[in-house]
Amino acid sequence: MTDDVRVAVAEVELAMERLNGAFDQYVEGIQASESGGEQLDRAIKMKAAMKDSGAIYLSWAKHYAGFDETPMMD
């Protein structure tokens, strides 16, 4: 893989970390406001979904970019 691809994957990884941190703060803000309820439940689910799906996509991107040395099972 080219260095451009490796750099791009690393940049996406950093962006996902920032996004996950922002979602954490968003959920904490809702919890602190004590408005909770449906908005809090939705925010928690959103945060978990983005974290999980981001991790899946990054795992595959790293694999195809050659970041890992362990072959994936087909």
PDB file of N, CA and C in Angstrom:
ATOM      1  N   MET A   1       0.841  -1.173   0.000  1.00  0.00           N
ATOM      2  CA  MET A   1       0.000   0.000   0.000  1.00  0.00           C
ATOM      3  C   MET A   1       0.889   1.239   0.000  1.00  0.00           C
ATOM      4  N   THR A   2       0.388   2.286  -0.571  1.00  0.00           N
ATOM      5  CA  THR A   2       1.167   3.515  -0.640  1.00  0.00           C
ATOM      6  C   THR A   2       1.160   4.241   0.697  1.00  0.00           C
ATOM      7  N   ASP A   3       2.154   5.100   0.849  1.00  0.00           N
ATOM      8  CA  ASP A   3       2.212   5.902   2.070  1.00  0.00           C
ATOM      9  C   ASP A   3       0.991   6.810   2.191  1.00  0.00           C
ATOM     10  N   ASP A   4       0.470   7.290   1.066  1.00  0.00           N
ATOM     11  CA  ASP A   4      -0.729   8.130   1.104  1.00  0.00           C
ATOM     12  C   ASP A   4      -1.904   7.398   1.740  1.00  0.00           C
ATOM     13  N   VAL A   5      -2.050   6.126   1.416  1.00  0.00           N
ATOM     14  CA  VAL A   5      -3.143   5.335   1.990  1.00  0.00           C
ATOM     15  C   VAL A   5      -2.912   5.149   3.482  1.00  0.00           C
ATOM     16  N   ARG A   6      -1.711   4.836   3.858  1.00  0.00           N
ATOM     17  CA  ARG A   6      -1.410   4.640   5.279  1.00  0.00           C
ATOM     18  C   ARG A   6      -1.657   5.920   6.079  1.00  0.00           C
ATOM     19  N   VAL A   7      -1.248   7.049   5.531  1.00  0.00           N
ATOM     20  CA  VAL A   7      -1.464   8.335   6.205  1.00  0.00           C
ATOM     21  C   VAL A   7      -2.960   8.624   6.310  1.00  0.00           C
ATOM     22  N   ALA A   8      -3.700   8.377   5.240  1.00  0.00           N
ATOM     23  CA  ALA A   8      -5.141   8.635   5.249  1.00  0.00           C
ATOM     24  C   ALA A   8      -5.847   7.773   6.292  1.00  0.00           C
ATOM     25  N   VAL A   9      -5.468   6.506   6.389  1.00  0.00           N
ATOM     26  CA  VAL A   9      -6.075   5.624   7.387  1.00  0.00           C
ATOM     27  C   VAL A   9      -5.754   6.130   8.791  1.00  0.00           C
ATOM     28  N   ALA A  10      -4.529   6.549   9.020  1.00  0.00           N
ATOM     29  CA  ALA A  10      -4.148   7.085  10.326  1.00  0.00           C
ATOM     30  C   ALA A  10      -4.940   8.350  10.651  1.00  0.00           C
ATOM     31  N   GLU A  11      -5.162   9.194   9.654  1.00  0.00           N
ATOM     32  CA  GLU A  11      -5.950  10.414   9.868  1.00  0.00           C
ATOM     33  C   GLU A  11      -7.398  10.092  10.214  1.00  0.00           C
ATOM     34  N   VAL A  12      -7.954   9.082   9.553  1.00  0.00           N
ATOM     35  CA  VAL A  12      -9.322   8.665   9.856  1.00  0.00           C
ATOM     36  C   VAL A  12      -9.393   8.114  11.276  1.00  0.00           C
ATOM     37  N   GLU A  13      -8.387   7.367  11.664  1.00  0.00           N
ATOM     38  CA  GLU A  13      -8.361   6.822  13.023  1.00  0.00           C
ATOM     39  C   GLU A  13      -8.363   7.947  14.056  1.00  0.00           C
ATOM     40  N   LEU A  14      -7.554   8.966  13.829  1.00  0.00           N
ATOM     41  CA  LEU A  14      -7.531  10.104  14.749  1.00  0.00           C
ATOM     42  C   LEU A  14      -8.866  10.839  14.756  1.00  0.00           C
ATOM     43  N   ALA A  15      -9.458  10.995  13.587  1.00  0.00           N
ATOM     44  CA  ALA A  15     -10.761  11.664  13.505  1.00  0.00           C
ATOM     45  C   ALA A  15     -11.827  10.872  14.256  1.00  0.00           C
ATOM     46  N   MET A  16     -11.796   9.554  14.146  1.00  0.00           N
ATOM     47  CA  MET A  16     -12.759   8.726  14.867  1.00  0.00           C
ATOM     48  C   MET A  16     -12.560   8.844  16.380  1.00  0.00           C
ATOM     49  N   GLU A  17     -11.318   8.942  16.814  1.00  0.00           N
ATOM     50  CA  GLU A  17     -11.055   9.134  18.244  1.00  0.00           C
ATOM     51  C   GLU A  17     -11.648  10.454  18.720  1.00  0.00           C
ATOM     52  N   ARG A  18     -11.476  11.512  17.913  1.00  0.00           N
ATOM     53  CA  ARG A  18     -12.040  12.815  18.266  1.00  0.00           C
ATOM     54  C   ARG A  18     -13.567  12.753  18.272  1.00  0.00           C
ATOM     55  N   LEU A  19     -14.146  12.077  17.281  1.00  0.00           N
ATOM     56  CA  LEU A  19     -15.597  11.946  17.214  1.00  0.00           C
ATOM     57  C   LEU A  19     -16.127  11.187  18.421  1.00  0.00           C
ATOM     58  N   ASN A  20     -15.485  10.095  18.775  1.00  0.00           N
ATOM     59  CA  ASN A  20     -15.915   9.329  19.948  1.00  0.00           C
ATOM     60  C   ASN A  20     -15.822  10.167  21.216  1.00  0.00           C
ATOM     61  N   GLY A  21     -14.775  10.966  21.327  1.00  0.00           N
ATOM     62  CA  GLY A  21     -14.641  11.858  22.484  1.00  0.00           C
ATOM     63  C   GLY A  21     -15.742  12.907  22.520  1.00  0.00           C
ATOM     64  N   ALA A  22     -16.078  13.433  21.349  1.00  0.00           N
ATOM     65  CA  ALA A  22     -17.154  14.422  21.278  1.00  0.00           C
ATOM     66  C   ALA A  22     -18.490  13.801  21.671  1.00  0.00           C
ATOM     67  N   PHE A  23     -18.737  12.571  21.224  1.00  0.00           N
ATOM     68  CA  PHE A  23     -19.977  11.890  21.605  1.00  0.00           C
ATOM     69  C   PHE A  23     -19.999  11.613  23.111  1.00  0.00           C
ATOM     70  N   ASP A  24     -18.846  11.254  23.681  1.00  0.00           N
ATOM     71  CA  ASP A  24     -18.771  11.056  25.132  1.00  0.00           C
ATOM     72  C   ASP A  24     -19.181  12.329  25.861  1.00  0.00           C
ATOM     73  N   GLN A  25     -18.636  13.460  25.421  1.00  0.00           N
ATOM     74  CA  GLN A  25     -18.962  14.744  26.054  1.00  0.00           C
ATOM     75  C   GLN A  25     -20.440  15.083  25.869  1.00  0.00           C
ATOM     76  N   TYR A  26     -20.990  14.769  24.708  1.00  0.00           N
ATOM     77  CA  TYR A  26     -22.397  15.027  24.438  1.00  0.00           C
ATOM     78  C   TYR A  26     -23.278  14.249  25.416  1.00  0.00           C
ATOM     79  N   VAL A  27     -22.964  12.979  25.586  1.00  0.00           N
ATOM     80  CA  VAL A  27     -23.739  12.144  26.511  1.00  0.00           C
ATOM     81  C   VAL A  27     -23.579  12.656  27.940  1.00  0.00           C
ATOM     82  N   GLU A  28     -22.361  13.007  28.322  1.00  0.00           N
ATOM     83  CA  GLU A  28     -22.130  13.537  29.668  1.00  0.00           C
ATOM     84  C   GLU A  28     -22.902  14.824  29.896  1.00  0.00           C
ATOM     85  N   GLY A  29     -22.996  15.658  28.859  1.00  0.00           N
ATOM     86  CA  GLY A  29     -23.754  16.898  28.970  1.00  0.00           C
ATOM     87  C   GLY A  29     -25.234  16.646  29.199  1.00  0.00           C
ATOM     88  N   ILE A  30     -25.771  15.672  28.505  1.00  0.00           N
ATOM     89  CA  ILE A  30     -27.183  15.324  28.699  1.00  0.00           C
ATOM     90  C   ILE A  30     -27.391  14.784  30.110  1.00  0.00           C
ATOM     91  N   GLN A  31     -26.463  13.938  30.558  1.00  0.00           N
ATOM     92  CA  GLN A  31     -26.583  13.381  31.904  1.00  0.00           C
ATOM     93  C   GLN A  31     -26.508  14.480  32.956  1.00  0.00           C
ATOM     94  N   ALA A  32     -25.620  15.448  32.754  1.00  0.00           N
ATOM     95  CA  ALA A  32     -25.460  16.536  33.715  1.00  0.00           C
ATOM     96  C   ALA A  32     -26.680  17.450  33.750  1.00  0.00           C
ATOM     97  N   SER A  33     -27.354  17.589  32.609  1.00  0.00           N
ATOM     98  CA  SER A  33     -28.531  18.456  32.550  1.00  0.00           C
ATOM     99  C   SER A  33     -29.752  17.805  33.181  1.00  0.00           C
ATOM    100  N   GLU A  34     -29.636  16.525  33.437  1.00  0.00           N
ATOM    101  CA  GLU A  34     -30.708  15.736  34.037  1.00  0.00           C
ATOM    102  C   GLU A  34     -31.981  15.731  33.200  1.00  0.00           C
ATOM    103  N   SER A  35     -31.863  16.110  31.898  1.00  0.00           N
ATOM    104  CA  SER A  35     -33.044  16.016  31.036  1.00  0.00           C
ATOM    105  C   SER A  35     -33.311  14.559  30.699  1.00  0.00           C
ATOM    106  N   GLY A  36     -32.203  13.793  30.531  1.00  0.00           N
ATOM    107  CA  GLY A  36     -32.262  12.344  30.374  1.00  0.00           C
ATOM    108  C   GLY A  36     -33.349  11.828  29.461  1.00  0.00           C
ATOM    109  N   GLY A  37     -34.002  10.790  29.916  1.00  0.00           N
ATOM    110  CA  GLY A  37     -35.104  10.189  29.196  1.00  0.00           C
ATOM    111  C   GLY A  37     -34.734   9.680  27.824  1.00  0.00           C
ATOM    112  N   GLU A  38     -35.626   9.924  26.883  1.00  0.00           N
ATOM    113  CA  GLU A  38     -35.467   9.424  25.523  1.00  0.00           C
ATOM    114  C   GLU A  38     -34.235  10.005  24.836  1.00  0.00           C
ATOM    115  N   GLN A  39     -33.950  11.284  25.087  1.00  0.00           N
ATOM    116  CA  GLN A  39     -32.785  11.917  24.467  1.00  0.00           C
ATOM    117  C   GLN A  39     -31.496  11.248  24.927  1.00  0.00           C
ATOM    118  N   LEU A  40     -31.404  10.930  26.203  1.00  0.00           N
ATOM    119  CA  LEU A  40     -30.219  10.265  26.733  1.00  0.00           C
ATOM    120  C   LEU A  40     -30.091   8.853  26.167  1.00  0.00           C
ATOM    121  N   ASP A  41     -31.178   8.111  26.137  1.00  0.00           N
ATOM    122  CA  ASP A  41     -31.145   6.758  25.582  1.00  0.00           C
ATOM    123  C   ASP A  41     -30.678   6.775  24.129  1.00  0.00           C
ATOM    124  N   ARG A  42     -31.202   7.703  23.364  1.00  0.00           N
ATOM    125  CA  ARG A  42     -30.824   7.807  21.948  1.00  0.00           C
ATOM    126  C   ARG A  42     -29.350   8.176  21.805  1.00  0.00           C
ATOM    127  N   ALA A  43     -28.872   9.103  22.621  1.00  0.00           N
ATOM    128  CA  ALA A  43     -27.478   9.534  22.551  1.00  0.00           C
ATOM    129  C   ALA A  43     -26.527   8.392  22.912  1.00  0.00           C
ATOM    130  N   ILE A  44     -26.883   7.612  23.906  1.00  0.00           N
ATOM    131  CA  ILE A  44     -26.045   6.476  24.314  1.00  0.00           C
ATOM    132  C   ILE A  44     -25.978   5.443  23.188  1.00  0.00           C
ATOM    133  N   LYS A  45     -27.114   5.159  22.561  1.00  0.00           N
ATOM    134  CA  LYS A  45     -27.134   4.208  21.449  1.00  0.00           C
ATOM    135  C   LYS A  45     -26.334   4.733  20.264  1.00  0.00           C
ATOM    136  N   MET A  46     -26.465   6.030  19.976  1.00  0.00           N
ATOM    137  CA  MET A  46     -25.724   6.652  18.882  1.00  0.00           C
ATOM    138  C   MET A  46     -24.214   6.544  19.130  1.00  0.00           C
ATOM    139  N   LYS A  47     -23.810   6.858  20.345  1.00  0.00           N
ATOM    140  CA  LYS A  47     -22.398   6.799  20.701  1.00  0.00           C
ATOM    141  C   LYS A  47     -21.845   5.392  20.530  1.00  0.00           C
ATOM    142  N   ALA A  48     -22.578   4.394  20.995  1.00  0.00           N
ATOM    143  CA  ALA A  48     -22.127   3.006  20.892  1.00  0.00           C
ATOM    144  C   ALA A  48     -22.073   2.553  19.436  1.00  0.00           C
ATOM    145  N   ALA A  49     -23.081   2.921  18.658  1.00  0.00           N
ATOM    146  CA  ALA A  49     -23.123   2.519  17.249  1.00  0.00           C
ATOM    147  C   ALA A  49     -21.960   3.120  16.471  1.00  0.00           C
ATOM    148  N   MET A  50     -21.680   4.380  16.685  1.00  0.00           N
ATOM    149  CA  MET A  50     -20.579   5.027  15.963  1.00  0.00           C
ATOM    150  C   MET A  50     -19.229   4.442  16.384  1.00  0.00           C
ATOM    151  N   LYS A  51     -19.073   4.194  17.659  1.00  0.00           N
ATOM    152  CA  LYS A  51     -17.810   3.626  18.131  1.00  0.00           C
ATOM    153  C   LYS A  51     -17.590   2.230  17.541  1.00  0.00           C
ATOM    154  N   ASP A  52     -18.628   1.399  17.583  1.00  0.00           N
ATOM    155  CA  ASP A  52     -18.513   0.030  17.081  1.00  0.00           C
ATOM    156  C   ASP A  52     -18.309  -0.008  15.567  1.00  0.00           C
ATOM    157  N   SER A  53     -19.135   0.735  14.838  1.00  0.00           N
ATOM    158  CA  SER A  53     -19.017   0.694  13.372  1.00  0.00           C
ATOM    159  C   SER A  53     -17.710   1.327  12.918  1.00  0.00           C
ATOM    160  N   GLY A  54     -17.280   2.395  13.585  1.00  0.00           N
ATOM    161  CA  GLY A  54     -15.991   3.003  13.253  1.00  0.00           C
ATOM    162  C   GLY A  54     -14.848   2.029  13.458  1.00  0.00           C
ATOM    163  N   ALA A  55     -14.905   1.264  14.545  1.00  0.00           N
ATOM    164  CA  ALA A  55     -13.856   0.285  14.829  1.00  0.00           C
ATOM    165  C   ALA A  55     -13.822  -0.811  13.765  1.00  0.00           C
ATOM    166  N   ILE A  56     -15.001  -1.216  13.319  1.00  0.00           N
ATOM    167  CA  ILE A  56     -15.061  -2.252  12.277  1.00  0.00           C
ATOM    168  C   ILE A  56     -14.440  -1.738  10.987  1.00  0.00           C
ATOM    169  N   TYR A  57     -14.863  -0.557  10.556  1.00  0.00           N
ATOM    170  CA  TYR A  57     -14.331  -0.004   9.304  1.00  0.00           C
ATOM    171  C   TYR A  57     -12.827   0.252   9.397  1.00  0.00           C
ATOM    172  N   LEU A  58     -12.368   0.757  10.532  1.00  0.00           N
ATOM    173  CA  LEU A  58     -10.930   0.988  10.686  1.00  0.00           C
ATOM    174  C   LEU A  58     -10.152  -0.317  10.696  1.00  0.00           C
ATOM    175  N   SER A  59     -10.713  -1.347  11.287  1.00  0.00           N
ATOM    176  CA  SER A  59     -10.049  -2.647  11.300  1.00  0.00           C
ATOM    177  C   SER A  59      -9.829  -3.154   9.883  1.00  0.00           C
ATOM    178  N   TRP A  60     -10.871  -3.071   9.061  1.00  0.00           N
ATOM    179  CA  TRP A  60     -10.744  -3.510   7.670  1.00  0.00           C
ATOM    180  C   TRP A  60      -9.790  -2.605   6.890  1.00  0.00           C
ATOM    181  N   ALA A  61      -9.868  -1.309   7.107  1.00  0.00           N
ATOM    182  CA  ALA A  61      -8.977  -0.386   6.395  1.00  0.00           C
ATOM    183  C   ALA A  61      -7.523  -0.677   6.744  1.00  0.00           C
ATOM    184  N   LYS A  62      -7.253  -0.900   8.018  1.00  0.00           N
ATOM    185  CA  LYS A  62      -5.885  -1.225   8.445  1.00  0.00           C
ATOM    186  C   LYS A  62      -5.422  -2.534   7.827  1.00  0.00           C
ATOM    187  N   HIS A  63      -6.324  -3.502   7.792  1.00  0.00           N
ATOM    188  CA  HIS A  63      -5.976  -4.792   7.204  1.00  0.00           C
ATOM    189  C   HIS A  63      -5.576  -4.621   5.743  1.00  0.00           C
ATOM    190  N   TYR A  64      -6.427  -3.949   4.975  1.00  0.00           N
ATOM    191  CA  TYR A  64      -6.157  -3.798   3.548  1.00  0.00           C
ATOM    192  C   TYR A  64      -5.004  -2.855   3.264  1.00  0.00           C
ATOM    193  N   ALA A  65      -4.721  -1.935   4.171  1.00  0.00           N
ATOM    194  CA  ALA A  65      -3.587  -1.035   3.995  1.00  0.00           C
ATOM    195  C   ALA A  65      -2.284  -1.695   4.436  1.00  0.00           C
ATOM    196  N   GLY A  66      -2.379  -2.881   5.037  1.00  0.00           N
ATOM    197  CA  GLY A  66      -1.182  -3.605   5.454  1.00  0.00           C
ATOM    198  C   GLY A  66      -0.659  -3.200   6.808  1.00  0.00           C
ATOM    199  N   PHE A  67      -1.509  -2.619   7.655  1.00  0.00           N
ATOM    200  CA  PHE A  67      -1.072  -2.212   8.991  1.00  0.00           C
ATOM    201  C   PHE A  67      -0.815  -3.400   9.898  1.00  0.00           C
ATOM    202  N   ASP A  68      -1.563  -4.456   9.669  1.00  0.00           N
ATOM    203  CA  ASP A  68      -1.380  -5.625  10.522  1.00  0.00           C
ATOM    204  C   ASP A  68      -0.661  -6.724   9.731  1.00  0.00           C
ATOM    205  N   GLU A  69      -0.019  -7.573  10.458  1.00  0.00           N
ATOM    206  CA  GLU A  69       0.717  -8.672   9.833  1.00  0.00           C
ATOM    207  C   GLU A  69      -0.044  -9.980   9.930  1.00  0.00           C
ATOM    208  N   THR A  70      -1.143  -9.970  10.691  1.00  0.00           N
ATOM    209  CA  THR A  70      -1.920 -11.183  10.878  1.00  0.00           C
ATOM    210  C   THR A  70      -2.959 -11.287   9.776  1.00  0.00           C
ATOM    211  N   PRO A  71      -2.952 -12.373   9.008  1.00  0.00           N
ATOM    212  CA  PRO A  71      -3.937 -12.503   7.927  1.00  0.00           C
ATOM    213  C   PRO A  71      -5.349 -12.667   8.477  1.00  0.00           C
ATOM    214  N   MET A  72      -6.305 -12.051   7.793  1.00  0.00           N
ATOM    215  CA  MET A  72      -7.711 -12.176   8.175  1.00  0.00           C
ATOM    216  C   MET A  72      -8.211 -13.530   7.671  1.00  0.00           C
ATOM    217  N   MET A  73      -9.143 -14.115   8.394  1.00  0.00           N
ATOM    218  CA  MET A  73      -9.770 -15.365   7.989  1.00  0.00           C
ATOM    219  C   MET A  73     -10.827 -15.050   6.940  1.00  0.00           C
ATOM    220  N   ASP A  74     -10.859 -15.795   5.856  1.00  0.00           N
ATOM    221  CA  ASP A  74     -11.881 -15.587   4.818  1.00  0.00           C
ATOM    222  C   ASP A  74     -13.020 -16.538   4.980  1.00  0.00           C
TER     223      ASP A  74
END
